[in-house]
């Protein structure tokens, strides 16, 4: 789901000046970090789904307002 190339670039930038142990490859680090993010992302999606759809009782007027608001961007 994530673009691992972008994640690798991000990690390389953020870890600049931080020594990565020799027994940890950048590929393993990127793959593991991507999985970590994806797990957190899924939980974030579930929470936002509940909030957006009012815990299974959608306020469609509010949803339409959000659609209008974001379609202007």
PDB file of N, CA and C in Angstrom:
ATOM      1  N   UNK A   1       0.819  -1.183   0.000  1.00  0.00           N
ATOM      2  CA  UNK A   1       0.000   0.000   0.000  1.00  0.00           C
ATOM      3  C   UNK A   1       0.869   1.256   0.000  1.00  0.00           C
ATOM      4  N   UNK A   2       1.909   1.262   0.802  1.00  0.00           N
ATOM      5  CA  UNK A   2       2.794   2.419   0.842  1.00  0.00           C
ATOM      6  C   UNK A   2       3.818   2.347  -0.276  1.00  0.00           C
ATOM      7  N   UNK A   3       4.290   3.488  -0.681  1.00  0.00           N
ATOM      8  CA  UNK A   3       5.374   3.553  -1.653  1.00  0.00           C
ATOM      9  C   UNK A   3       6.683   3.411  -0.880  1.00  0.00           C
ATOM     10  N   UNK A   4       7.260   2.223  -0.936  1.00  0.00           N
ATOM     11  CA  UNK A   4       8.464   1.925  -0.151  1.00  0.00           C
ATOM     12  C   UNK A   4       9.649   2.785  -0.557  1.00  0.00           C
ATOM     13  N   UNK A   5       9.689   3.216  -1.798  1.00  0.00           N
ATOM     14  CA  UNK A   5      10.777   4.090  -2.244  1.00  0.00           C
ATOM     15  C   UNK A   5      10.692   5.423  -1.506  1.00  0.00           C
ATOM     16  N   UNK A   6       9.484   5.949  -1.389  1.00  0.00           N
ATOM     17  CA  UNK A   6       9.280   7.206  -0.672  1.00  0.00           C
ATOM     18  C   UNK A   6       9.619   7.024   0.807  1.00  0.00           C
ATOM     19  N   UNK A   7       9.197   5.905   1.381  1.00  0.00           N
ATOM     20  CA  UNK A   7       9.498   5.629   2.781  1.00  0.00           C
ATOM     21  C   UNK A   7      11.005   5.526   2.987  1.00  0.00           C
ATOM     22  N   UNK A   8      11.696   4.861   2.064  1.00  0.00           N
ATOM     23  CA  UNK A   8      13.152   4.745   2.189  1.00  0.00           C
ATOM     24  C   UNK A   8      13.812   6.121   2.132  1.00  0.00           C
ATOM     25  N   UNK A   9      13.372   6.953   1.204  1.00  0.00           N
ATOM     26  CA  UNK A   9      13.924   8.309   1.110  1.00  0.00           C
ATOM     27  C   UNK A   9      13.666   9.083   2.407  1.00  0.00           C
ATOM     28  N   UNK A  10      12.467   8.942   2.932  1.00  0.00           N
ATOM     29  CA  UNK A  10      12.112   9.607   4.190  1.00  0.00           C
ATOM     30  C   UNK A  10      13.023   9.140   5.323  1.00  0.00           C
ATOM     31  N   UNK A  11      13.187   7.823   5.451  1.00  0.00           N
ATOM     32  CA  UNK A  11      14.021   7.287   6.517  1.00  0.00           C
ATOM     33  C   UNK A  11      15.475   7.736   6.367  1.00  0.00           C
ATOM     34  N   UNK A  12      15.983   7.704   5.155  1.00  0.00           N
ATOM     35  CA  UNK A  12      17.365   8.124   4.953  1.00  0.00           C
ATOM     36  C   UNK A  12      17.566   9.584   5.362  1.00  0.00           C
ATOM     37  N   UNK A  13      16.594  10.407   5.053  1.00  0.00           N
ATOM     38  CA  UNK A  13      16.680  11.823   5.437  1.00  0.00           C
ATOM     39  C   UNK A  13      16.597  11.982   6.951  1.00  0.00           C
ATOM     40  N   UNK A  14      15.627  11.325   7.568  1.00  0.00           N
ATOM     41  CA  UNK A  14      15.402  11.490   9.003  1.00  0.00           C
ATOM     42  C   UNK A  14      16.470  10.810   9.850  1.00  0.00           C
ATOM     43  N   UNK A  15      17.087   9.761   9.317  1.00  0.00           N
ATOM     44  CA  UNK A  15      18.108   9.038  10.070  1.00  0.00           C
ATOM     45  C   UNK A  15      19.523   9.555   9.781  1.00  0.00           C
ATOM     46  N   UNK A  16      19.608  10.639   9.009  1.00  0.00           N
ATOM     47  CA  UNK A  16      20.922  11.197   8.707  1.00  0.00           C
ATOM     48  C   UNK A  16      21.633  11.553  10.011  1.00  0.00           C
ATOM     49  N   UNK A  17      22.833  11.058  10.145  1.00  0.00           N
ATOM     50  CA  UNK A  17      23.607  11.300  11.360  1.00  0.00           C
ATOM     51  C   UNK A  17      23.374  10.260  12.439  1.00  0.00           C
ATOM     52  N   UNK A  18      22.429   9.341  12.222  1.00  0.00           N
ATOM     53  CA  UNK A  18      22.160   8.261  13.169  1.00  0.00           C
ATOM     54  C   UNK A  18      22.739   6.984  12.579  1.00  0.00           C
ATOM     55  N   UNK A  19      23.571   6.327  13.339  1.00  0.00           N
ATOM     56  CA  UNK A  19      24.216   5.116  12.844  1.00  0.00           C
ATOM     57  C   UNK A  19      23.275   3.924  12.976  1.00  0.00           C
ATOM     58  N   UNK A  20      23.007   3.276  11.849  1.00  0.00           N
ATOM     59  CA  UNK A  20      22.189   2.067  11.824  1.00  0.00           C
ATOM     60  C   UNK A  20      23.137   0.889  12.046  1.00  0.00           C
ATOM     61  N   UNK A  21      22.813  -0.004  12.966  1.00  0.00           N
ATOM     62  CA  UNK A  21      23.690  -1.161  13.201  1.00  0.00           C
ATOM     63  C   UNK A  21      23.938  -1.939  11.908  1.00  0.00           C
ATOM     64  N   UNK A  22      25.137  -2.470  11.779  1.00  0.00           N
ATOM     65  CA  UNK A  22      25.526  -3.186  10.562  1.00  0.00           C
ATOM     66  C   UNK A  22      24.665  -4.413  10.289  1.00  0.00           C
ATOM     67  N   UNK A  23      24.095  -5.002  11.341  1.00  0.00           N
ATOM     68  CA  UNK A  23      23.290  -6.208  11.138  1.00  0.00           C
ATOM     69  C   UNK A  23      21.830  -5.897  10.798  1.00  0.00           C
ATOM     70  N   UNK A  24      21.519  -4.618  10.552  1.00  0.00           N
ATOM     71  CA  UNK A  24      20.175  -4.225  10.101  1.00  0.00           C
ATOM     72  C   UNK A  24      20.316  -3.618   8.714  1.00  0.00           C
ATOM     73  N   UNK A  25      19.742  -4.284   7.728  1.00  0.00           N
ATOM     74  CA  UNK A  25      19.819  -3.751   6.362  1.00  0.00           C
ATOM     75  C   UNK A  25      18.770  -2.664   6.173  1.00  0.00           C
ATOM     76  N   UNK A  26      19.066  -1.735   5.286  1.00  0.00           N
ATOM     77  CA  UNK A  26      18.106  -0.668   5.002  1.00  0.00           C
ATOM     78  C   UNK A  26      16.819  -1.256   4.427  1.00  0.00           C
ATOM     79  N   UNK A  27      16.936  -2.325   3.641  1.00  0.00           N
ATOM     80  CA  UNK A  27      15.734  -2.951   3.073  1.00  0.00           C
ATOM     81  C   UNK A  27      14.843  -3.531   4.169  1.00  0.00           C
ATOM     82  N   UNK A  28      15.450  -4.225   5.146  1.00  0.00           N
ATOM     83  CA  UNK A  28      14.673  -4.770   6.258  1.00  0.00           C
ATOM     84  C   UNK A  28      14.059  -3.655   7.091  1.00  0.00           C
ATOM     85  N   UNK A  29      14.818  -2.593   7.294  1.00  0.00           N
ATOM     86  CA  UNK A  29      14.318  -1.461   8.061  1.00  0.00           C
ATOM     87  C   UNK A  29      13.124  -0.813   7.372  1.00  0.00           C
ATOM     88  N   UNK A  30      13.249  -0.611   6.073  1.00  0.00           N
ATOM     89  CA  UNK A  30      12.156   0.004   5.301  1.00  0.00           C
ATOM     90  C   UNK A  30      10.926  -0.901   5.320  1.00  0.00           C
ATOM     91  N   UNK A  31      11.113  -2.182   5.051  1.00  0.00           N
ATOM     92  CA  UNK A  31       9.983  -3.124   5.022  1.00  0.00           C
ATOM     93  C   UNK A  31       9.262  -3.176   6.374  1.00  0.00           C
ATOM     94  N   UNK A  32      10.040  -3.244   7.433  1.00  0.00           N
ATOM     95  CA  UNK A  32       9.445  -3.314   8.771  1.00  0.00           C
ATOM     96  C   UNK A  32       8.738  -2.013   9.128  1.00  0.00           C
ATOM     97  N   UNK A  33       9.353  -0.896   8.801  1.00  0.00           N
ATOM     98  CA  UNK A  33       8.728   0.398   9.086  1.00  0.00           C
ATOM     99  C   UNK A  33       7.437   0.551   8.289  1.00  0.00           C
ATOM    100  N   UNK A  34       7.434   0.102   7.039  1.00  0.00           N
ATOM    101  CA  UNK A  34       6.212   0.155   6.212  1.00  0.00           C
ATOM    102  C   UNK A  34       5.094  -0.665   6.861  1.00  0.00           C
ATOM    103  N   UNK A  35       5.412  -1.863   7.324  1.00  0.00           N
ATOM    104  CA  UNK A  35       4.400  -2.702   7.975  1.00  0.00           C
ATOM    105  C   UNK A  35       3.892  -2.046   9.252  1.00  0.00           C
ATOM    106  N   UNK A  36       4.797  -1.448   9.999  1.00  0.00           N
ATOM    107  CA  UNK A  36       4.421  -0.735  11.224  1.00  0.00           C
ATOM    108  C   UNK A  36       3.441   0.397  10.902  1.00  0.00           C
ATOM    109  N   UNK A  37       3.756   1.174   9.868  1.00  0.00           N
ATOM    110  CA  UNK A  37       2.891   2.284   9.463  1.00  0.00           C
ATOM    111  C   UNK A  37       1.540   1.761   8.982  1.00  0.00           C
ATOM    112  N   UNK A  38       1.551   0.699   8.178  1.00  0.00           N
ATOM    113  CA  UNK A  38       0.305   0.159   7.645  1.00  0.00           C
ATOM    114  C   UNK A  38      -0.612  -0.341   8.750  1.00  0.00           C
ATOM    115  N   UNK A  39      -0.053  -0.967   9.770  1.00  0.00           N
ATOM    116  CA  UNK A  39      -0.874  -1.415  10.904  1.00  0.00           C
ATOM    117  C   UNK A  39      -1.513  -0.227  11.609  1.00  0.00           C
ATOM    118  N   UNK A  40      -0.723   0.801  11.848  1.00  0.00           N
ATOM    119  CA  UNK A  40      -1.235   2.002  12.498  1.00  0.00           C
ATOM    120  C   UNK A  40      -2.257   2.702  11.608  1.00  0.00           C
ATOM    121  N   UNK A  41      -1.982   2.730  10.304  1.00  0.00           N
ATOM    122  CA  UNK A  41      -2.864   3.361   9.331  1.00  0.00           C
ATOM    123  C   UNK A  41      -4.242   2.690   9.320  1.00  0.00           C
ATOM    124  N   UNK A  42      -4.257   1.364   9.394  1.00  0.00           N
ATOM    125  CA  UNK A  42      -5.518   0.641   9.397  1.00  0.00           C
ATOM    126  C   UNK A  42      -6.343   1.009  10.634  1.00  0.00           C
ATOM    127  N   UNK A  43      -5.700   1.096  11.785  1.00  0.00           N
ATOM    128  CA  UNK A  43      -6.410   1.488  13.010  1.00  0.00           C
ATOM    129  C   UNK A  43      -6.930   2.916  12.882  1.00  0.00           C
ATOM    130  N   UNK A  44      -6.131   3.788  12.303  1.00  0.00           N
ATOM    131  CA  UNK A  44      -6.531   5.173  12.083  1.00  0.00           C
ATOM    132  C   UNK A  44      -7.746   5.231  11.142  1.00  0.00           C
ATOM    133  N   UNK A  45      -7.734   4.402  10.079  1.00  0.00           N
ATOM    134  CA  UNK A  45      -8.871   4.347   9.159  1.00  0.00           C
ATOM    135  C   UNK A  45     -10.150   3.915   9.877  1.00  0.00           C
ATOM    136  N   UNK A  46     -10.042   2.880  10.708  1.00  0.00           N
ATOM    137  CA  UNK A  46     -11.223   2.394  11.437  1.00  0.00           C
ATOM    138  C   UNK A  46     -11.781   3.484  12.349  1.00  0.00           C
ATOM    139  N   UNK A  47     -10.910   4.174  13.056  1.00  0.00           N
ATOM    140  CA  UNK A  47     -11.361   5.249  13.949  1.00  0.00           C
ATOM    141  C   UNK A  47     -12.028   6.374  13.170  1.00  0.00           C
ATOM    142  N   UNK A  48     -11.423   6.753  12.048  1.00  0.00           N
ATOM    143  CA  UNK A  48     -11.999   7.829  11.247  1.00  0.00           C
ATOM    144  C   UNK A  48     -13.298   7.412  10.577  1.00  0.00           C
ATOM    145  N   UNK A  49     -13.411   6.143  10.215  1.00  0.00           N
ATOM    146  CA  UNK A  49     -14.663   5.638   9.649  1.00  0.00           C
ATOM    147  C   UNK A  49     -15.793   5.796  10.670  1.00  0.00           C
ATOM    148  N   UNK A  50     -15.533   5.391  11.904  1.00  0.00           N
ATOM    149  CA  UNK A  50     -16.542   5.514  12.964  1.00  0.00           C
ATOM    150  C   UNK A  50     -16.966   6.963  13.132  1.00  0.00           C
ATOM    151  N   UNK A  51     -15.991   7.837  13.171  1.00  0.00           N
ATOM    152  CA  UNK A  51     -16.278   9.252  13.383  1.00  0.00           C
ATOM    153  C   UNK A  51     -17.016   9.860  12.187  1.00  0.00           C
ATOM    154  N   UNK A  52     -16.546   9.580  10.970  1.00  0.00           N
ATOM    155  CA  UNK A  52     -17.149  10.158   9.768  1.00  0.00           C
ATOM    156  C   UNK A  52     -18.589   9.692   9.589  1.00  0.00           C
ATOM    157  N   UNK A  53     -18.830   8.419   9.885  1.00  0.00           N
ATOM    158  CA  UNK A  53     -20.164   7.852   9.693  1.00  0.00           C
ATOM    159  C   UNK A  53     -20.938   7.723  11.005  1.00  0.00           C
ATOM    160  N   UNK A  54     -20.546   8.528  11.994  1.00  0.00           N
ATOM    161  CA  UNK A  54     -21.290   8.665  13.245  1.00  0.00           C
ATOM    162  C   UNK A  54     -21.612   7.311  13.877  1.00  0.00           C
ATOM    163  N   UNK A  55     -20.597   6.446  13.939  1.00  0.00           N
ATOM    164  CA  UNK A  55     -20.722   5.128  14.586  1.00  0.00           C
ATOM    165  C   UNK A  55     -21.901   4.316  14.045  1.00  0.00           C
ATOM    166  N   UNK A  56     -22.056   4.344  12.715  1.00  0.00           N
ATOM    167  CA  UNK A  56     -23.091   3.532  12.065  1.00  0.00           C
ATOM    168  C   UNK A  56     -24.429   4.237  11.891  1.00  0.00           C
ATOM    169  N   UNK A  57     -24.499   5.493  12.289  1.00  0.00           N
ATOM    170  CA  UNK A  57     -25.717   6.287  12.134  1.00  0.00           C
ATOM    171  C   UNK A  57     -25.352   7.569  11.393  1.00  0.00           C
ATOM    172  N   UNK A  58     -25.071   7.465  10.077  1.00  0.00           N
ATOM    173  CA  UNK A  58     -24.536   8.609   9.334  1.00  0.00           C
ATOM    174  C   UNK A  58     -25.472   9.812   9.317  1.00  0.00           C
ATOM    175  N   UNK A  59     -24.896  10.971   9.476  1.00  0.00           N
ATOM    176  CA  UNK A  59     -25.594  12.240   9.291  1.00  0.00           C
ATOM    177  C   UNK A  59     -25.309  12.663   7.859  1.00  0.00           C
ATOM    178  N   UNK A  60     -26.211  12.310   6.963  1.00  0.00           N
ATOM    179  CA  UNK A  60     -25.957  12.519   5.543  1.00  0.00           C
ATOM    180  C   UNK A  60     -25.881  13.984   5.166  1.00  0.00           C
ATOM    181  N   UNK A  61     -26.540  14.848   5.902  1.00  0.00           N
ATOM    182  CA  UNK A  61     -26.417  16.285   5.642  1.00  0.00           C
ATOM    183  C   UNK A  61     -24.971  16.713   5.897  1.00  0.00           C
ATOM    184  N   UNK A  62     -24.417  16.266   7.025  1.00  0.00           N
ATOM    185  CA  UNK A  62     -23.034  16.584   7.355  1.00  0.00           C
ATOM    186  C   UNK A  62     -22.085  15.998   6.319  1.00  0.00           C
ATOM    187  N   UNK A  63     -22.345  14.756   5.878  1.00  0.00           N
ATOM    188  CA  UNK A  63     -21.501  14.107   4.864  1.00  0.00           C
ATOM    189  C   UNK A  63     -21.534  14.920   3.574  1.00  0.00           C
ATOM    190  N   UNK A  64     -22.716  15.355   3.156  1.00  0.00           N
ATOM    191  CA  UNK A  64     -22.820  16.173   1.943  1.00  0.00           C
ATOM    192  C   UNK A  64     -22.045  17.474   2.091  1.00  0.00           C
ATOM    193  N   UNK A  65     -22.084  18.069   3.279  1.00  0.00           N
ATOM    194  CA  UNK A  65     -21.314  19.283   3.533  1.00  0.00           C
ATOM    195  C   UNK A  65     -19.815  19.016   3.413  1.00  0.00           C
ATOM    196  N   UNK A  66     -19.369  17.885   3.914  1.00  0.00           N
ATOM    197  CA  UNK A  66     -17.950  17.519   3.805  1.00  0.00           C
ATOM    198  C   UNK A  66     -17.573  17.318   2.342  1.00  0.00           C
ATOM    199  N   UNK A  67     -18.458  16.668   1.567  1.00  0.00           N
ATOM    200  CA  UNK A  67     -18.200  16.457   0.137  1.00  0.00           C
ATOM    201  C   UNK A  67     -18.053  17.805  -0.561  1.00  0.00           C
ATOM    202  N   UNK A  68     -18.968  18.713  -0.275  1.00  0.00           N
ATOM    203  CA  UNK A  68     -18.892  20.044  -0.879  1.00  0.00           C
ATOM    204  C   UNK A  68     -17.610  20.763  -0.461  1.00  0.00           C
ATOM    205  N   UNK A  69     -17.280  20.671   0.815  1.00  0.00           N
ATOM    206  CA  UNK A  69     -16.089  21.336   1.330  1.00  0.00           C
ATOM    207  C   UNK A  69     -14.828  20.824   0.640  1.00  0.00           C
ATOM    208  N   UNK A  70     -14.680  19.507   0.546  1.00  0.00           N
ATOM    209  CA  UNK A  70     -13.466  18.936  -0.020  1.00  0.00           C
ATOM    210  C   UNK A  70     -13.440  18.976  -1.549  1.00  0.00           C
ATOM    211  N   UNK A  71     -14.581  19.112  -2.168  1.00  0.00           N
ATOM    212  CA  UNK A  71     -14.588  19.198  -3.643  1.00  0.00           C
ATOM    213  C   UNK A  71     -14.099  20.569  -4.109  1.00  0.00           C
ATOM    214  N   UNK A  72     -14.057  21.541  -3.197  1.00  0.00           N
ATOM    215  CA  UNK A  72     -13.571  22.884  -3.535  1.00  0.00           C
ATOM    216  C   UNK A  72     -12.053  22.937  -3.570  1.00  0.00           C
ATOM    217  N   UNK A  73     -11.403  21.955  -2.944  1.00  0.00           N
ATOM    218  CA  UNK A  73      -9.925  21.966  -2.887  1.00  0.00           C
ATOM    219  C   UNK A  73      -9.293  21.691  -4.213  1.00  0.00           C
TER     220      UNK A  73
END
